[in-house]
Amino acid sequence: KPDAIMTFGALALQSLVEGHKLTSLVGGSITYH
């Protein structure tokens, strides 16, 4: 039950959500549940 999550690399991001381009999200944020 973390307060925040950081993903490192495209595959780490895809372990949560697919369909996003990593380079467009670095330096920003999305939400997961």
Full PDB file with SEQRES, HELIX, SHEET, SSBOND, CRYST1, ORIGX, SCALE, CONECT and MASTER records, all heavy atoms in Angstrom:
SEQRES   1 A   33  LYS PRO ASP ALA ILE MET THR PHE GLY ALA LEU ALA LEU          
SEQRES   2 A   33  GLN SER LEU VAL GLU GLY HIS LYS LEU THR SER LEU VAL          
SEQRES   3 A   33  GLY GLY SER ILE THR TYR HIS                                  
HELIX    1 AA1 ALA A   10  GLN A   14  1                                   5    
HELIX    2 AA2 LEU A   22  LEU A   25  1                                   4    
CRYST1    1.000    1.000    1.000  90.00  90.00  90.00 P 1           1          
ORIGX1      1.000000  0.000000  0.000000        0.00000                         
ORIGX2      0.000000  1.000000  0.000000        0.00000                         
ORIGX3      0.000000  0.000000  1.000000        0.00000                         
SCALE1      1.000000  0.000000  0.000000        0.00000                         
SCALE2      0.000000  1.000000  0.000000        0.00000                         
SCALE3      0.000000  0.000000  1.000000        0.00000                         
ATOM      1  N   LYS A   1       0.837  -1.217   0.000  1.00  0.00           N  
ATOM      2  CA  LYS A   1       0.000   0.000   0.000  1.00  0.00           C  
ATOM      3  C   LYS A   1       0.868   1.263   0.000  1.00  0.00           C  
ATOM      4  O   LYS A   1       0.819   2.085   0.928  1.00  0.00           O  
ATOM      5  CB  LYS A   1      -0.954   0.001   1.194  1.00  0.00           C  
ATOM      6  CG  LYS A   1      -1.974  -1.121   1.178  1.00  0.00           C  
ATOM      7  CD  LYS A   1      -2.887  -1.074   2.393  1.00  0.00           C  
ATOM      8  CE  LYS A   1      -3.990  -2.117   2.311  1.00  0.00           C  
ATOM      9  NZ  LYS A   1      -3.470  -3.498   2.236  1.00  0.00           N  
ATOM     10  N   PRO A   2       1.660   1.469  -1.050  1.00  0.00           N  
ATOM     11  CA  PRO A   2       2.590   2.604  -1.075  1.00  0.00           C  
ATOM     12  C   PRO A   2       1.874   3.940  -1.258  1.00  0.00           C  
ATOM     13  O   PRO A   2       0.744   3.997  -1.767  1.00  0.00           O  
ATOM     14  CB  PRO A   2       3.458   2.295  -2.297  1.00  0.00           C  
ATOM     15  CG  PRO A   2       2.531   1.559  -3.215  1.00  0.00           C  
ATOM     16  CD  PRO A   2       1.703   0.694  -2.300  1.00  0.00           C  
ATOM     17  N   ASP A   3       2.550   4.995  -0.862  1.00  0.00           N  
ATOM     18  CA  ASP A   3       2.058   6.349  -1.092  1.00  0.00           C  
ATOM     19  C   ASP A   3       2.400   6.821  -2.503  1.00  0.00           C  
ATOM     20  O   ASP A   3       1.752   7.740  -3.019  1.00  0.00           O  
ATOM     21  CB  ASP A   3       2.661   7.308  -0.062  1.00  0.00           C  
ATOM     22  CG  ASP A   3       2.217   6.960   1.352  1.00  0.00           C  
ATOM     23  OD1 ASP A   3       1.074   7.292   1.701  1.00  0.00           O  
ATOM     24  OD2 ASP A   3       3.011   6.331   2.089  1.00  0.00           O  
ATOM     25  N   ALA A   4       3.414   6.218  -3.111  1.00  0.00           N  
ATOM     26  CA  ALA A   4       3.815   6.562  -4.470  1.00  0.00           C  
ATOM     27  C   ALA A   4       4.606   5.402  -5.056  1.00  0.00           C  
ATOM     28  O   ALA A   4       5.107   4.529  -4.328  1.00  0.00           O  
ATOM     29  CB  ALA A   4       4.640   7.847  -4.494  1.00  0.00           C  
ATOM     30  N   ILE A   5       4.713   5.390  -6.380  1.00  0.00           N  
ATOM     31  CA  ILE A   5       5.455   4.357  -7.106  1.00  0.00           C  
ATOM     32  C   ILE A   5       6.366   5.043  -8.113  1.00  0.00           C  
ATOM     33  O   ILE A   5       5.974   6.010  -8.760  1.00  0.00           O  
ATOM     34  CB  ILE A   5       4.509   3.404  -7.864  1.00  0.00           C  
ATOM     35  CG1 ILE A   5       3.555   2.689  -6.898  1.00  0.00           C  
ATOM     36  CG2 ILE A   5       5.300   2.378  -8.677  1.00  0.00           C  
ATOM     37  CD1 ILE A   5       2.434   1.932  -7.595  1.00  0.00           C  
ATOM     38  N   MET A   6       7.595   4.536  -8.254  1.00  0.00           N  
ATOM     39  CA  MET A   6       8.481   4.958  -9.329  1.00  0.00           C  
ATOM     40  C   MET A   6       8.828   3.736 -10.163  1.00  0.00           C  
ATOM     41  O   MET A   6       9.147   2.676  -9.615  1.00  0.00           O  
ATOM     42  CB  MET A   6       9.755   5.603  -8.787  1.00  0.00           C  
ATOM     43  CG  MET A   6       9.522   6.907  -8.059  1.00  0.00           C  
ATOM     44  SD  MET A   6      11.070   7.721  -7.573  1.00  0.00           S  
ATOM     45  CE  MET A   6      11.622   8.346  -9.161  1.00  0.00           C  
ATOM     46  N   THR A   7       8.736   3.870 -11.496  1.00  0.00           N  
ATOM     47  CA  THR A   7       9.123   2.784 -12.395  1.00  0.00           C  
ATOM     48  C   THR A   7      10.371   3.198 -13.162  1.00  0.00           C  
ATOM     49  O   THR A   7      10.526   4.369 -13.519  1.00  0.00           O  
ATOM     50  CB  THR A   7       8.003   2.453 -13.397  1.00  0.00           C  
ATOM     51  OG1 THR A   7       7.721   3.605 -14.213  1.00  0.00           O  
ATOM     52  CG2 THR A   7       6.728   2.037 -12.666  1.00  0.00           C  
ATOM     53  N   PHE A   8      11.260   2.236 -13.405  1.00  0.00           N  
ATOM     54  CA  PHE A   8      12.519   2.514 -14.077  1.00  0.00           C  
ATOM     55  C   PHE A   8      12.650   1.630 -15.311  1.00  0.00           C  
ATOM     56  O   PHE A   8      12.949   0.446 -15.212  1.00  0.00           O  
ATOM     57  CB  PHE A   8      13.686   2.310 -13.120  1.00  0.00           C  
ATOM     58  CG  PHE A   8      13.687   3.305 -11.991  1.00  0.00           C  
ATOM     59  CD1 PHE A   8      12.958   3.070 -10.851  1.00  0.00           C  
ATOM     60  CD2 PHE A   8      14.385   4.497 -12.118  1.00  0.00           C  
ATOM     61  CE1 PHE A   8      12.927   3.995  -9.820  1.00  0.00           C  
ATOM     62  CE2 PHE A   8      14.361   5.431 -11.090  1.00  0.00           C  
ATOM     63  CZ  PHE A   8      13.634   5.181  -9.941  1.00  0.00           C  
ATOM     64  N   GLY A   9      12.422   2.232 -16.488  1.00  0.00           N  
ATOM     65  CA  GLY A   9      12.461   1.496 -17.740  1.00  0.00           C  
ATOM     66  C   GLY A   9      11.075   1.227 -18.278  1.00  0.00           C  
ATOM     67  O   GLY A   9      10.086   1.188 -17.537  1.00  0.00           O  
ATOM     68  N   ALA A  10      10.998   1.020 -19.593  1.00  0.00           N  
ATOM     69  CA  ALA A  10       9.709   0.826 -20.258  1.00  0.00           C  
ATOM     70  C   ALA A  10       8.976  -0.408 -19.752  1.00  0.00           C  
ATOM     71  O   ALA A  10       7.753  -0.393 -19.555  1.00  0.00           O  
ATOM     72  CB  ALA A  10       9.926   0.736 -21.769  1.00  0.00           C  
ATOM     73  N   LEU A  11       9.713  -1.495 -19.542  1.00  0.00           N  
ATOM     74  CA  LEU A  11       9.060  -2.730 -19.101  1.00  0.00           C  
ATOM     75  C   LEU A  11       8.533  -2.611 -17.674  1.00  0.00           C  
ATOM     76  O   LEU A  11       7.505  -3.195 -17.342  1.00  0.00           O  
ATOM     77  CB  LEU A  11      10.025  -3.910 -19.220  1.00  0.00           C  
ATOM     78  CG  LEU A  11      10.383  -4.328 -20.638  1.00  0.00           C  
ATOM     79  CD1 LEU A  11      11.461  -5.407 -20.630  1.00  0.00           C  
ATOM     80  CD2 LEU A  11       9.145  -4.843 -21.381  1.00  0.00           C  
ATOM     81  N   ALA A  12       9.234  -1.855 -16.839  1.00  0.00           N  
ATOM     82  CA  ALA A  12       8.745  -1.634 -15.474  1.00  0.00           C  
ATOM     83  C   ALA A  12       7.428  -0.868 -15.512  1.00  0.00           C  
ATOM     84  O   ALA A  12       6.486  -1.178 -14.768  1.00  0.00           O  
ATOM     85  CB  ALA A  12       9.776  -0.883 -14.655  1.00  0.00           C  
ATOM     86  N   LEU A  13       7.347   0.131 -16.374  1.00  0.00           N  
ATOM     87  CA  LEU A  13       6.102   0.881 -16.539  1.00  0.00           C  
ATOM     88  C   LEU A  13       4.984  -0.031 -17.034  1.00  0.00           C  
ATOM     89  O   LEU A  13       3.852   0.015 -16.547  1.00  0.00           O  
ATOM     90  CB  LEU A  13       6.313   2.035 -17.516  1.00  0.00           C  
ATOM     91  CG  LEU A  13       5.076   2.854 -17.891  1.00  0.00           C  
ATOM     92  CD1 LEU A  13       4.462   3.521 -16.668  1.00  0.00           C  
ATOM     93  CD2 LEU A  13       5.437   3.891 -18.959  1.00  0.00           C  
ATOM     94  N   GLN A  14       5.319  -0.898 -17.999  1.00  0.00           N  
ATOM     95  CA  GLN A  14       4.312  -1.787 -18.577  1.00  0.00           C  
ATOM     96  C   GLN A  14       3.848  -2.870 -17.607  1.00  0.00           C  
ATOM     97  O   GLN A  14       2.824  -3.502 -17.845  1.00  0.00           O  
ATOM     98  CB  GLN A  14       4.849  -2.412 -19.861  1.00  0.00           C  
ATOM     99  CG  GLN A  14       4.988  -1.404 -20.998  1.00  0.00           C  
ATOM    100  CD  GLN A  14       5.571  -2.007 -22.246  1.00  0.00           C  
ATOM    101  OE1 GLN A  14       5.027  -2.952 -22.815  1.00  0.00           O  
ATOM    102  NE2 GLN A  14       6.699  -1.466 -22.693  1.00  0.00           N  
ATOM    103  N   SER A  15       4.592  -3.073 -16.537  1.00  0.00           N  
ATOM    104  CA  SER A  15       4.113  -4.017 -15.525  1.00  0.00           C  
ATOM    105  C   SER A  15       2.878  -3.473 -14.809  1.00  0.00           C  
ATOM    106  O   SER A  15       2.136  -4.220 -14.172  1.00  0.00           O  
ATOM    107  CB  SER A  15       5.213  -4.330 -14.503  1.00  0.00           C  
ATOM    108  OG  SER A  15       5.461  -3.212 -13.656  1.00  0.00           O  
ATOM    109  N   LEU A  16       2.671  -2.158 -14.916  1.00  0.00           N  
ATOM    110  CA  LEU A  16       1.487  -1.528 -14.327  1.00  0.00           C  
ATOM    111  C   LEU A  16       0.449  -1.192 -15.389  1.00  0.00           C  
ATOM    112  O   LEU A  16      -0.732  -1.531 -15.247  1.00  0.00           O  
ATOM    113  CB  LEU A  16       1.879  -0.248 -13.585  1.00  0.00           C  
ATOM    114  CG  LEU A  16       2.883  -0.386 -12.440  1.00  0.00           C  
ATOM    115  CD1 LEU A  16       3.137   0.979 -11.810  1.00  0.00           C  
ATOM    116  CD2 LEU A  16       2.373  -1.369 -11.387  1.00  0.00           C  
ATOM    117  N   VAL A  17       0.876  -0.494 -16.424  1.00  0.00           N  
ATOM    118  CA  VAL A  17      -0.031  -0.065 -17.491  1.00  0.00           C  
ATOM    119  C   VAL A  17       0.669  -0.189 -18.833  1.00  0.00           C  
ATOM    120  O   VAL A  17       1.871   0.058 -18.937  1.00  0.00           O  
ATOM    121  CB  VAL A  17      -0.503   1.390 -17.286  1.00  0.00           C  
ATOM    122  CG1 VAL A  17      -1.383   1.508 -16.054  1.00  0.00           C  
ATOM    123  CG2 VAL A  17       0.679   2.343 -17.180  1.00  0.00           C  
ATOM    124  N   GLU A  18      -0.065  -0.566 -19.847  1.00  0.00           N  
ATOM    125  CA  GLU A  18       0.475  -0.649 -21.202  1.00  0.00           C  
ATOM    126  C   GLU A  18      -0.143   0.454 -22.055  1.00  0.00           C  
ATOM    127  O   GLU A  18      -1.148   1.057 -21.691  1.00  0.00           O  
ATOM    128  CB  GLU A  18       0.203  -2.034 -21.807  1.00  0.00           C  
ATOM    129  CG  GLU A  18       0.917  -3.152 -21.072  1.00  0.00           C  
ATOM    130  CD  GLU A  18       0.785  -4.506 -21.777  1.00  0.00           C  
ATOM    131  OE1 GLU A  18       0.713  -4.518 -23.021  1.00  0.00           O  
ATOM    132  OE2 GLU A  18       0.747  -5.534 -21.077  1.00  0.00           O  
ATOM    133  N   GLY A  19       0.486   0.709 -23.183  1.00  0.00           N  
ATOM    134  CA  GLY A  19      -0.058   1.703 -24.099  1.00  0.00           C  
ATOM    135  C   GLY A  19       0.494   3.099 -23.925  1.00  0.00           C  
ATOM    136  O   GLY A  19       0.050   4.035 -24.583  1.00  0.00           O  
ATOM    137  N   HIS A  20       1.486   3.257 -23.031  1.00  0.00           N  
ATOM    138  CA  HIS A  20       2.112   4.558 -22.821  1.00  0.00           C  
ATOM    139  C   HIS A  20       3.541   4.532 -23.336  1.00  0.00           C  
ATOM    140  O   HIS A  20       4.242   3.537 -23.188  1.00  0.00           O  
ATOM    141  CB  HIS A  20       2.129   4.931 -21.338  1.00  0.00           C  
ATOM    142  CG  HIS A  20       0.776   5.198 -20.755  1.00  0.00           C  
ATOM    143  ND1 HIS A  20       0.135   6.405 -20.897  1.00  0.00           N  
ATOM    144  CD2 HIS A  20      -0.046   4.408 -20.028  1.00  0.00           C  
ATOM    145  CE1 HIS A  20      -1.038   6.355 -20.286  1.00  0.00           C  
ATOM    146  NE2 HIS A  20      -1.173   5.153 -19.743  1.00  0.00           N  
ATOM    147  N   LYS A  21       3.990   5.624 -23.932  1.00  0.00           N  
ATOM    148  CA  LYS A  21       5.366   5.744 -24.387  1.00  0.00           C  
ATOM    149  C   LYS A  21       6.201   6.345 -23.258  1.00  0.00           C  
ATOM    150  O   LYS A  21       5.910   7.447 -22.782  1.00  0.00           O  
ATOM    151  CB  LYS A  21       5.439   6.624 -25.634  1.00  0.00           C  
ATOM    152  CG  LYS A  21       6.804   6.619 -26.304  1.00  0.00           C  
ATOM    153  CD  LYS A  21       6.757   7.394 -27.621  1.00  0.00           C  
ATOM    154  CE  LYS A  21       8.122   7.350 -28.308  1.00  0.00           C  
ATOM    155  NZ  LYS A  21       8.094   8.104 -29.586  1.00  0.00           N  
ATOM    156  N   LEU A  22       7.236   5.641 -22.840  1.00  0.00           N  
ATOM    157  CA  LEU A  22       8.030   6.065 -21.687  1.00  0.00           C  
ATOM    158  C   LEU A  22       8.589   7.471 -21.856  1.00  0.00           C  
ATOM    159  O   LEU A  22       8.521   8.287 -20.937  1.00  0.00           O  
ATOM    160  CB  LEU A  22       9.168   5.070 -21.439  1.00  0.00           C  
ATOM    161  CG  LEU A  22      10.140   5.439 -20.310  1.00  0.00           C  
ATOM    162  CD1 LEU A  22       9.421   5.484 -18.967  1.00  0.00           C  
ATOM    163  CD2 LEU A  22      11.309   4.457 -20.262  1.00  0.00           C  
ATOM    164  N   THR A  23       9.147   7.771 -23.036  1.00  0.00           N  
ATOM    165  CA  THR A  23       9.815   9.056 -23.219  1.00  0.00           C  
ATOM    166  C   THR A  23       8.871  10.242 -23.046  1.00  0.00           C  
ATOM    167  O   THR A  23       9.306  11.336 -22.710  1.00  0.00           O  
ATOM    168  CB  THR A  23      10.472   9.131 -24.609  1.00  0.00           C  
ATOM    169  OG1 THR A  23       9.492   8.805 -25.616  1.00  0.00           O  
ATOM    170  CG2 THR A  23      11.637   8.163 -24.712  1.00  0.00           C  
ATOM    171  N   SER A  24       7.584  10.023 -23.272  1.00  0.00           N  
ATOM    172  CA  SER A  24       6.622  11.119 -23.120  1.00  0.00           C  
ATOM    173  C   SER A  24       6.183  11.299 -21.672  1.00  0.00           C  
ATOM    174  O   SER A  24       5.527  12.287 -21.341  1.00  0.00           O  
ATOM    175  CB  SER A  24       5.392  10.865 -24.004  1.00  0.00           C  
ATOM    176  OG  SER A  24       4.655   9.740 -23.544  1.00  0.00           O  
ATOM    177  N   LEU A  25       6.548  10.347 -20.799  1.00  0.00           N  
ATOM    178  CA  LEU A  25       6.096  10.399 -19.414  1.00  0.00           C  
ATOM    179  C   LEU A  25       7.197  10.727 -18.416  1.00  0.00           C  
ATOM    180  O   LEU A  25       6.919  11.087 -17.274  1.00  0.00           O  
ATOM    181  CB  LEU A  25       5.468   9.056 -19.019  1.00  0.00           C  
ATOM    182  CG  LEU A  25       4.159   8.684 -19.716  1.00  0.00           C  
ATOM    183  CD1 LEU A  25       3.688   7.307 -19.252  1.00  0.00           C  
ATOM    184  CD2 LEU A  25       3.082   9.724 -19.455  1.00  0.00           C  
ATOM    185  N   VAL A  26       8.464  10.577 -18.824  1.00  0.00           N  
ATOM    186  CA  VAL A  26       9.569  10.853 -17.902  1.00  0.00           C  
ATOM    187  C   VAL A  26       9.513  12.313 -17.443  1.00  0.00           C  
ATOM    188  O   VAL A  26       9.383  13.227 -18.252  1.00  0.00           O  
ATOM    189  CB  VAL A  26      10.933  10.570 -18.558  1.00  0.00           C  
ATOM    190  CG1 VAL A  26      12.082  11.081 -17.689  1.00  0.00           C  
ATOM    191  CG2 VAL A  26      11.087   9.081 -18.805  1.00  0.00           C  
ATOM    192  N   GLY A  27       9.574  12.516 -16.138  1.00  0.00           N  
ATOM    193  CA  GLY A  27       9.449  13.851 -15.577  1.00  0.00           C  
ATOM    194  C   GLY A  27       8.022  14.222 -15.246  1.00  0.00           C  
ATOM    195  O   GLY A  27       7.769  15.279 -14.673  1.00  0.00           O  
ATOM    196  N   GLY A  28       7.076  13.348 -15.574  1.00  0.00           N  
ATOM    197  CA  GLY A  28       5.674  13.569 -15.260  1.00  0.00           C  
ATOM    198  C   GLY A  28       5.137  12.437 -14.406  1.00  0.00           C  
ATOM    199  O   GLY A  28       5.897  11.698 -13.785  1.00  0.00           O  
ATOM    200  N   SER A  29       3.833  12.288 -14.387  1.00  0.00           N  
ATOM    201  CA  SER A  29       3.241  11.226 -13.573  1.00  0.00           C  
ATOM    202  C   SER A  29       1.918  10.766 -14.160  1.00  0.00           C  
ATOM    203  O   SER A  29       1.279  11.486 -14.939  1.00  0.00           O  
ATOM    204  CB  SER A  29       3.027  11.705 -12.132  1.00  0.00           C  
ATOM    205  OG  SER A  29       2.043  12.736 -12.083  1.00  0.00           O  
ATOM    206  N   ILE A  30       1.545   9.543 -13.810  1.00  0.00           N  
ATOM    207  CA  ILE A  30       0.229   8.994 -14.105  1.00  0.00           C  
ATOM    208  C   ILE A  30      -0.285   8.401 -12.789  1.00  0.00           C  
ATOM    209  O   ILE A  30       0.361   8.529 -11.754  1.00  0.00           O  
ATOM    210  CB  ILE A  30       0.292   7.907 -15.205  1.00  0.00           C  
ATOM    211  CG1 ILE A  30       1.253   6.764 -14.793  1.00  0.00           C  
ATOM    212  CG2 ILE A  30       0.734   8.507 -16.530  1.00  0.00           C  
ATOM    213  CD1 ILE A  30       1.260   5.601 -15.780  1.00  0.00           C  
ATOM    214  N   THR A  31      -1.446   7.786 -12.814  1.00  0.00           N  
ATOM    215  CA  THR A  31      -1.953   7.145 -11.604  1.00  0.00           C  
ATOM    216  C   THR A  31      -2.237   5.671 -11.865  1.00  0.00           C  
ATOM    217  O   THR A  31      -2.568   5.273 -12.985  1.00  0.00           O  
ATOM    218  CB  THR A  31      -3.237   7.817 -11.086  1.00  0.00           C  
ATOM    219  OG1 THR A  31      -4.251   7.763 -12.107  1.00  0.00           O  
ATOM    220  CG2 THR A  31      -2.973   9.260 -10.694  1.00  0.00           C  
ATOM    221  N   TYR A  32      -2.090   4.888 -10.816  1.00  0.00           N  
ATOM    222  CA  TYR A  32      -2.399   3.456 -10.855  1.00  0.00           C  
ATOM    223  C   TYR A  32      -3.262   3.167  -9.635  1.00  0.00           C  
ATOM    224  O   TYR A  32      -2.780   3.231  -8.506  1.00  0.00           O  
ATOM    225  CB  TYR A  32      -1.110   2.638 -10.828  1.00  0.00           C  
ATOM    226  CG  TYR A  32      -1.327   1.142 -10.729  1.00  0.00           C  
ATOM    227  CD1 TYR A  32      -1.647   0.393 -11.855  1.00  0.00           C  
ATOM    228  CD2 TYR A  32      -1.219   0.485  -9.499  1.00  0.00           C  
ATOM    229  CE1 TYR A  32      -1.843  -0.978 -11.766  1.00  0.00           C  
ATOM    230  CE2 TYR A  32      -1.415  -0.884  -9.404  1.00  0.00           C  
ATOM    231  CZ  TYR A  32      -1.737  -1.611 -10.543  1.00  0.00           C  
ATOM    232  OH  TYR A  32      -1.941  -2.970 -10.445  1.00  0.00           O  
ATOM    233  N   HIS A  33      -4.528   2.908  -9.872  1.00  0.00           N  
ATOM    234  CA  HIS A  33      -5.478   2.679  -8.781  1.00  0.00           C  
ATOM    235  C   HIS A  33      -5.393   3.785  -7.718  1.00  0.00           C  
ATOM    236  O   HIS A  33      -5.397   3.515  -6.514  1.00  0.00           O  
ATOM    237  CB  HIS A  33      -5.249   1.309  -8.147  1.00  0.00           C  
ATOM    238  CG  HIS A  33      -5.501   0.161  -9.081  1.00  0.00           C  
ATOM    239  ND1 HIS A  33      -6.712  -0.045  -9.703  1.00  0.00           N  
ATOM    240  CD2 HIS A  33      -4.684  -0.834  -9.505  1.00  0.00           C  
ATOM    241  CE1 HIS A  33      -6.637  -1.134 -10.472  1.00  0.00           C  
ATOM    242  NE2 HIS A  33      -5.421  -1.620 -10.381  1.00  0.00           N  
TER     243      HIS A  33                                                      
MASTER        0    0    0    2    0    0    0    6  242    1    0    3          
END                                                                             
